[in-house]
Amino acid sequence: MTTGILSLQGNFLDHTRSLELIKKDYILIKQKNDLKSIDSLILPGGESTSMIKIQSNNELFKELKILINDGIPTIGTCAGLILLAKDVVDGEIALGLLDCVVERNAYGRQNESFEGLVNFLDNTQMYCFIRAPKILKTGKKVKNIAFIDEEVVGVQQNNIVAFTFHPELTNDKNYLSWLKYFIEEGKNVRSF
């Protein structure tokens, strides 16, 4: 099994470390030809507007959308969540697959980034929120799976999971265990 990591811009290399820790193969995705041999997908944090512009001439997002709609296990962190969302406040819709409304940079500028205690799968861990988006609203088929206090910071819709934070920067045991099972089993992993 090989996980594709979108590598147009952003912190894609941090996700390679997560996959190395759980002994999973990966490929860095820069063009649509790189998608041929992947079984799961990670859309990293970074600058969503830049990612949209970089890929605009090669139909990469069109191919990603087909793969995700076909059920490939997909994880989006921070900007990856923005790329997946059906509605983006102060931003452009890219893939439009995850039934939620998100607000870009909702917590403020870079110097207002923070760490917070997130409850994810009945485990509480400190995670980084870097110019993080905020999930404002979700559709009926979206499950809320991660929280900071009462605020939703992680969601799942079928084969798509998205976080407003960066679990790949912490690589705690709970996240790595979840990651391994999710990329192997997709939407059927555990019961959220």
C-alpha atoms as a PDB file:
ATOM      1  CA  MET A   1       0.000   0.000   0.000  1.00  0.00           C
ATOM      2  CA  THR A   2       1.286   3.441  -0.945  1.00  0.00           C
ATOM      3  CA  THR A   3       0.028   6.752   0.405  1.00  0.00           C
ATOM      4  CA  GLY A   4       0.152   9.770  -1.871  1.00  0.00           C
ATOM      5  CA  ILE A   5       1.009  13.077  -0.202  1.00  0.00           C
ATOM      6  CA  LEU A   6       0.074  16.211  -2.115  1.00  0.00           C
ATOM      7  CA  SER A   7       3.416  18.018  -2.440  1.00  0.00           C
ATOM      8  CA  LEU A   8       2.739  21.258  -4.250  1.00  0.00           C
ATOM      9  CA  GLN A   9       3.486  23.466  -1.252  1.00  0.00           C
ATOM     10  CA  GLY A  10       3.251  23.344   2.540  1.00  0.00           C
ATOM     11  CA  ASN A  11       4.338  20.886   5.198  1.00  0.00           C
ATOM     12  CA  PHE A  12       4.108  17.661   3.203  1.00  0.00           C
ATOM     13  CA  LEU A  13       7.488  16.442   4.512  1.00  0.00           C
ATOM     14  CA  ASP A  14       6.133  16.248   8.068  1.00  0.00           C
ATOM     15  CA  HIS A  15       3.574  13.710   6.844  1.00  0.00           C
ATOM     16  CA  THR A  16       6.370  11.584   5.374  1.00  0.00           C
ATOM     17  CA  ARG A  17       7.807  11.276   8.884  1.00  0.00           C
ATOM     18  CA  SER A  18       4.432  10.053  10.218  1.00  0.00           C
ATOM     19  CA  LEU A  19       4.280   7.393   7.515  1.00  0.00           C
ATOM     20  CA  GLU A  20       7.884   6.344   8.132  1.00  0.00           C
ATOM     21  CA  LEU A  21       7.073   5.876  11.833  1.00  0.00           C
ATOM     22  CA  ILE A  22       4.286   3.417  10.966  1.00  0.00           C
ATOM     23  CA  LYS A  23       6.368   1.781   8.216  1.00  0.00           C
ATOM     24  CA  LYS A  24       4.125   2.780   5.295  1.00  0.00           C
ATOM     25  CA  ASP A  25       5.297   3.539   1.769  1.00  0.00           C
ATOM     26  CA  TYR A  26       4.532   6.927   0.269  1.00  0.00           C
ATOM     27  CA  ILE A  27       4.946   8.967  -2.892  1.00  0.00           C
ATOM     28  CA  LEU A  28       5.028  12.747  -3.201  1.00  0.00           C
ATOM     29  CA  ILE A  29       2.246  13.901  -5.532  1.00  0.00           C
ATOM     30  CA  LYS A  30       3.115  16.818  -7.807  1.00  0.00           C
ATOM     31  CA  GLN A  31       1.305  15.885 -11.025  1.00  0.00           C
ATOM     32  CA  LYS A  32      -1.554  13.615 -12.051  1.00  0.00           C
ATOM     33  CA  ASN A  33       0.791  10.845 -13.273  1.00  0.00           C
ATOM     34  CA  ASP A  34       1.948  10.412  -9.653  1.00  0.00           C
ATOM     35  CA  LEU A  35      -1.549   9.171  -8.698  1.00  0.00           C
ATOM     36  CA  LYS A  36      -1.336   5.849 -10.539  1.00  0.00           C
ATOM     37  CA  SER A  37      -0.157   3.639  -7.674  1.00  0.00           C
ATOM     38  CA  ILE A  38      -1.660   5.132  -4.512  1.00  0.00           C
ATOM     39  CA  ASP A  39      -4.105   3.483  -2.098  1.00  0.00           C
ATOM     40  CA  SER A  40      -4.595   6.444   0.278  1.00  0.00           C
ATOM     41  CA  LEU A  41      -4.111  10.189   0.178  1.00  0.00           C
ATOM     42  CA  ILE A  42      -2.948  13.023   2.453  1.00  0.00           C
ATOM     43  CA  LEU A  43      -3.617  16.689   1.709  1.00  0.00           C
ATOM     44  CA  PRO A  44      -1.234  18.657   3.971  1.00  0.00           C
ATOM     45  CA  GLY A  45      -1.301  22.049   5.585  1.00  0.00           C
ATOM     46  CA  GLY A  46       0.194  25.037   3.846  1.00  0.00           C
ATOM     47  CA  GLU A  47      -1.417  27.765   1.778  1.00  0.00           C
ATOM     48  CA  SER A  48      -4.568  26.528   0.036  1.00  0.00           C
ATOM     49  CA  THR A  49      -4.662  29.438  -2.418  1.00  0.00           C
ATOM     50  CA  SER A  50      -1.090  28.691  -3.543  1.00  0.00           C
ATOM     51  CA  MET A  51      -1.856  24.985  -3.982  1.00  0.00           C
ATOM     52  CA  ILE A  52      -4.890  25.800  -6.126  1.00  0.00           C
ATOM     53  CA  LYS A  53      -2.830  28.132  -8.332  1.00  0.00           C
ATOM     54  CA  ILE A  54       0.115  25.748  -8.681  1.00  0.00           C
ATOM     55  CA  GLN A  55      -2.031  22.881  -9.986  1.00  0.00           C
ATOM     56  CA  SER A  56      -4.397  24.970 -12.119  1.00  0.00           C
ATOM     57  CA  ASN A  57      -2.778  24.062 -15.457  1.00  0.00           C
ATOM     58  CA  ASN A  58      -2.433  20.299 -15.063  1.00  0.00           C
ATOM     59  CA  GLU A  59      -5.857  18.987 -13.902  1.00  0.00           C
ATOM     60  CA  LEU A  60      -4.368  17.383 -10.790  1.00  0.00           C
ATOM     61  CA  PHE A  61      -7.328  18.375  -8.606  1.00  0.00           C
ATOM     62  CA  LYS A  62      -9.759  16.937 -11.168  1.00  0.00           C
ATOM     63  CA  GLU A  63      -7.992  13.571 -10.845  1.00  0.00           C
ATOM     64  CA  LEU A  64      -7.819  13.847  -7.043  1.00  0.00           C
ATOM     65  CA  LYS A  65     -11.564  14.459  -6.943  1.00  0.00           C
ATOM     66  CA  ILE A  66     -12.208  11.283  -8.946  1.00  0.00           C
ATOM     67  CA  LEU A  67     -10.016   9.200  -6.606  1.00  0.00           C
ATOM     68  CA  ILE A  68     -11.646  10.597  -3.467  1.00  0.00           C
ATOM     69  CA  ASN A  69     -15.148  10.082  -4.872  1.00  0.00           C
ATOM     70  CA  ASP A  70     -14.152   6.484  -5.654  1.00  0.00           C
ATOM     71  CA  GLY A  71     -13.476   5.941  -1.932  1.00  0.00           C
ATOM     72  CA  ILE A  72      -9.719   6.269  -1.455  1.00  0.00           C
ATOM     73  CA  PRO A  73      -8.979   6.939   2.259  1.00  0.00           C
ATOM     74  CA  THR A  74      -8.217  10.674   2.392  1.00  0.00           C
ATOM     75  CA  ILE A  75      -6.858  12.859   5.186  1.00  0.00           C
ATOM     76  CA  GLY A  76      -6.727  16.652   5.066  1.00  0.00           C
ATOM     77  CA  THR A  77      -4.921  18.737   7.668  1.00  0.00           C
ATOM     78  CA  CYS A  78      -5.369  22.508   7.957  1.00  0.00           C
ATOM     79  CA  ALA A  79      -5.149  23.714   4.335  1.00  0.00           C
ATOM     80  CA  GLY A  80      -6.047  20.173   3.286  1.00  0.00           C
ATOM     81  CA  LEU A  81      -9.384  20.659   5.058  1.00  0.00           C
ATOM     82  CA  ILE A  82      -9.887  23.889   3.117  1.00  0.00           C
ATOM     83  CA  LEU A  83      -9.183  22.104  -0.184  1.00  0.00           C
ATOM     84  CA  LEU A  84     -11.764  19.436   0.672  1.00  0.00           C
ATOM     85  CA  ALA A  85     -14.554  21.736   1.928  1.00  0.00           C
ATOM     86  CA  LYS A  86     -17.722  22.444  -0.055  1.00  0.00           C
ATOM     87  CA  ASP A  87     -17.874  26.024   1.222  1.00  0.00           C
ATOM     88  CA  VAL A  88     -14.955  28.292   2.177  1.00  0.00           C
ATOM     89  CA  VAL A  89     -15.362  31.702   3.830  1.00  0.00           C
ATOM     90  CA  ASP A  90     -12.789  34.133   2.402  1.00  0.00           C
ATOM     91  CA  GLY A  91     -11.404  31.507   0.062  1.00  0.00           C
ATOM     92  CA  GLU A  92     -11.801  29.503  -3.094  1.00  0.00           C
ATOM     93  CA  ILE A  93     -13.529  26.127  -3.341  1.00  0.00           C
ATOM     94  CA  ALA A  94     -11.104  23.548  -4.722  1.00  0.00           C
ATOM     95  CA  LEU A  95     -12.344  19.939  -4.441  1.00  0.00           C
ATOM     96  CA  GLY A  96     -15.711  20.660  -2.809  1.00  0.00           C
ATOM     97  CA  LEU A  97     -16.253  17.132  -1.461  1.00  0.00           C
ATOM     98  CA  LEU A  98     -16.540  17.492   2.317  1.00  0.00           C
ATOM     99  CA  ASP A  99     -19.951  18.782   3.405  1.00  0.00           C
ATOM    100  CA  CYS A 100     -18.822  21.580   5.678  1.00  0.00           C
ATOM    101  CA  VAL A 101     -18.294  25.313   5.826  1.00  0.00           C
ATOM    102  CA  VAL A 102     -14.813  26.418   6.860  1.00  0.00           C
ATOM    103  CA  GLU A 103     -13.269  29.806   7.501  1.00  0.00           C
ATOM    104  CA  ARG A 104      -9.649  30.309   6.462  1.00  0.00           C
ATOM    105  CA  ASN A 105      -7.218  31.701   9.083  1.00  0.00           C
ATOM    106  CA  ALA A 106     -10.111  31.909  11.551  1.00  0.00           C
ATOM    107  CA  TYR A 107      -7.885  32.177  14.624  1.00  0.00           C
ATOM    108  CA  GLY A 108      -5.750  34.980  13.229  1.00  0.00           C
ATOM    109  CA  ARG A 109      -2.330  35.522  11.733  1.00  0.00           C
ATOM    110  CA  GLN A 110       0.804  33.410  12.076  1.00  0.00           C
ATOM    111  CA  ASN A 111       1.764  34.993  15.404  1.00  0.00           C
ATOM    112  CA  GLU A 112      -1.636  33.991  16.817  1.00  0.00           C
ATOM    113  CA  SER A 113      -1.040  30.296  16.139  1.00  0.00           C
ATOM    114  CA  PHE A 114      -1.341  28.149  19.263  1.00  0.00           C
ATOM    115  CA  GLU A 115      -1.250  24.713  20.823  1.00  0.00           C
ATOM    116  CA  GLY A 116      -4.410  23.273  22.343  1.00  0.00           C
ATOM    117  CA  LEU A 117      -5.622  20.134  24.067  1.00  0.00           C
ATOM    118  CA  VAL A 118      -7.633  18.153  21.535  1.00  0.00           C
ATOM    119  CA  ASN A 119      -9.883  15.218  22.367  1.00  0.00           C
ATOM    120  CA  PHE A 120      -9.578  12.702  19.527  1.00  0.00           C
ATOM    121  CA  LEU A 121     -10.784   9.107  19.913  1.00  0.00           C
ATOM    122  CA  ASP A 122     -11.214   9.476  23.667  1.00  0.00           C
ATOM    123  CA  ASN A 123      -7.615  10.592  24.033  1.00  0.00           C
ATOM    124  CA  THR A 124      -6.503  14.110  24.878  1.00  0.00           C
ATOM    125  CA  GLN A 125      -3.302  15.372  23.288  1.00  0.00           C
ATOM    126  CA  MET A 126      -1.653  18.741  22.661  1.00  0.00           C
ATOM    127  CA  TYR A 127      -1.738  19.657  18.959  1.00  0.00           C
ATOM    128  CA  CYS A 128      -0.614  22.662  16.909  1.00  0.00           C
ATOM    129  CA  PHE A 129      -3.037  25.095  15.242  1.00  0.00           C
ATOM    130  CA  ILE A 130      -1.078  27.155  12.708  1.00  0.00           C
ATOM    131  CA  ARG A 131      -3.118  29.850  10.960  1.00  0.00           C
ATOM    132  CA  ALA A 132      -5.831  27.256  11.333  1.00  0.00           C
ATOM    133  CA  PRO A 133      -9.207  27.198   9.645  1.00  0.00           C
ATOM    134  CA  LYS A 134     -12.357  26.841  11.701  1.00  0.00           C
ATOM    135  CA  ILE A 135     -15.210  24.446  10.951  1.00  0.00           C
ATOM    136  CA  LEU A 136     -18.343  26.614  11.091  1.00  0.00           C
ATOM    137  CA  LYS A 137     -20.980  24.126  10.004  1.00  0.00           C
ATOM    138  CA  THR A 138     -21.228  20.488   8.911  1.00  0.00           C
ATOM    139  CA  GLY A 139     -23.757  18.496   6.905  1.00  0.00           C
ATOM    140  CA  LYS A 140     -25.881  15.630   8.227  1.00  0.00           C
ATOM    141  CA  LYS A 141     -23.532  12.890   6.974  1.00  0.00           C
ATOM    142  CA  VAL A 142     -20.456  14.418   8.623  1.00  0.00           C
ATOM    143  CA  LYS A 143     -19.350  13.009  11.991  1.00  0.00           C
ATOM    144  CA  ASN A 144     -17.538  15.222  14.478  1.00  0.00           C
ATOM    145  CA  ILE A 145     -14.503  13.265  15.683  1.00  0.00           C
ATOM    146  CA  ALA A 146     -12.118  15.755  17.350  1.00  0.00           C
ATOM    147  CA  PHE A 147     -12.782  18.625  19.735  1.00  0.00           C
ATOM    148  CA  ILE A 148     -11.017  21.413  21.570  1.00  0.00           C
ATOM    149  CA  ASP A 149     -13.392  22.048  24.458  1.00  0.00           C
ATOM    150  CA  GLU A 150     -16.793  22.046  22.682  1.00  0.00           C
ATOM    151  CA  GLU A 151     -15.442  23.275  19.342  1.00  0.00           C
ATOM    152  CA  VAL A 152     -15.232  20.780  16.470  1.00  0.00           C
ATOM    153  CA  VAL A 153     -11.684  20.517  15.051  1.00  0.00           C
ATOM    154  CA  GLY A 154     -11.907  17.186  13.228  1.00  0.00           C
ATOM    155  CA  VAL A 155     -14.571  15.580  11.045  1.00  0.00           C
ATOM    156  CA  GLN A 156     -15.215  12.440   9.020  1.00  0.00           C
ATOM    157  CA  GLN A 157     -17.444  11.921   6.006  1.00  0.00           C
ATOM    158  CA  ASN A 158     -17.200   8.376   4.679  1.00  0.00           C
ATOM    159  CA  ASN A 159     -13.609   7.949   3.406  1.00  0.00           C
ATOM    160  CA  ILE A 160     -12.592  11.566   4.171  1.00  0.00           C
ATOM    161  CA  VAL A 161     -11.155  12.764   7.485  1.00  0.00           C
ATOM    162  CA  ALA A 162     -10.104  16.368   7.989  1.00  0.00           C
ATOM    163  CA  PHE A 163      -8.500  18.234  10.879  1.00  0.00           C
ATOM    164  CA  THR A 164      -8.045  21.951  11.523  1.00  0.00           C
ATOM    165  CA  PHE A 165      -4.834  21.131  13.411  1.00  0.00           C
ATOM    166  CA  HIS A 166      -1.522  19.384  12.616  1.00  0.00           C
ATOM    167  CA  PRO A 167      -1.330  15.882  14.174  1.00  0.00           C
ATOM    168  CA  GLU A 168       1.725  15.122  12.020  1.00  0.00           C
ATOM    169  CA  LEU A 169       3.787  17.599  14.055  1.00  0.00           C
ATOM    170  CA  THR A 170       3.172  15.699  17.282  1.00  0.00           C
ATOM    171  CA  ASN A 171       3.056  12.101  15.989  1.00  0.00           C
ATOM    172  CA  ASP A 172       1.716  10.816  19.293  1.00  0.00           C
ATOM    173  CA  LYS A 173       0.967   7.119  19.711  1.00  0.00           C
ATOM    174  CA  ASN A 174      -2.826   7.588  19.435  1.00  0.00           C
ATOM    175  CA  TYR A 175      -2.601   9.497  16.149  1.00  0.00           C
ATOM    176  CA  LEU A 176      -0.078   7.099  14.601  1.00  0.00           C
ATOM    177  CA  SER A 177      -2.200   4.085  15.552  1.00  0.00           C
ATOM    178  CA  TRP A 178      -5.292   5.731  14.054  1.00  0.00           C
ATOM    179  CA  LEU A 179      -3.365   6.754  10.911  1.00  0.00           C
ATOM    180  CA  LYS A 180      -2.126   3.208  10.289  1.00  0.00           C
ATOM    181  CA  TYR A 181      -5.606   1.718  10.512  1.00  0.00           C
ATOM    182  CA  PHE A 182      -7.281   4.507   8.567  1.00  0.00           C
ATOM    183  CA  ILE A 183      -5.022   4.270   5.531  1.00  0.00           C
ATOM    184  CA  GLU A 184      -5.380   0.491   5.569  1.00  0.00           C
ATOM    185  CA  GLU A 185      -9.137   0.314   6.114  1.00  0.00           C
ATOM    186  CA  GLY A 186     -10.512   3.726   5.128  1.00  0.00           C
ATOM    187  CA  LYS A 187     -14.025   4.601   6.125  1.00  0.00           C
ATOM    188  CA  ASN A 188     -14.519   1.319   8.000  1.00  0.00           C
ATOM    189  CA  VAL A 189     -11.771   1.903  10.539  1.00  0.00           C
ATOM    190  CA  ARG A 190     -13.013   1.833  14.135  1.00  0.00           C
ATOM    191  CA  SER A 191     -16.331   3.356  15.033  1.00  0.00           C
ATOM    192  CA  PHE A 192     -16.229   7.101  15.543  1.00  0.00           C
END
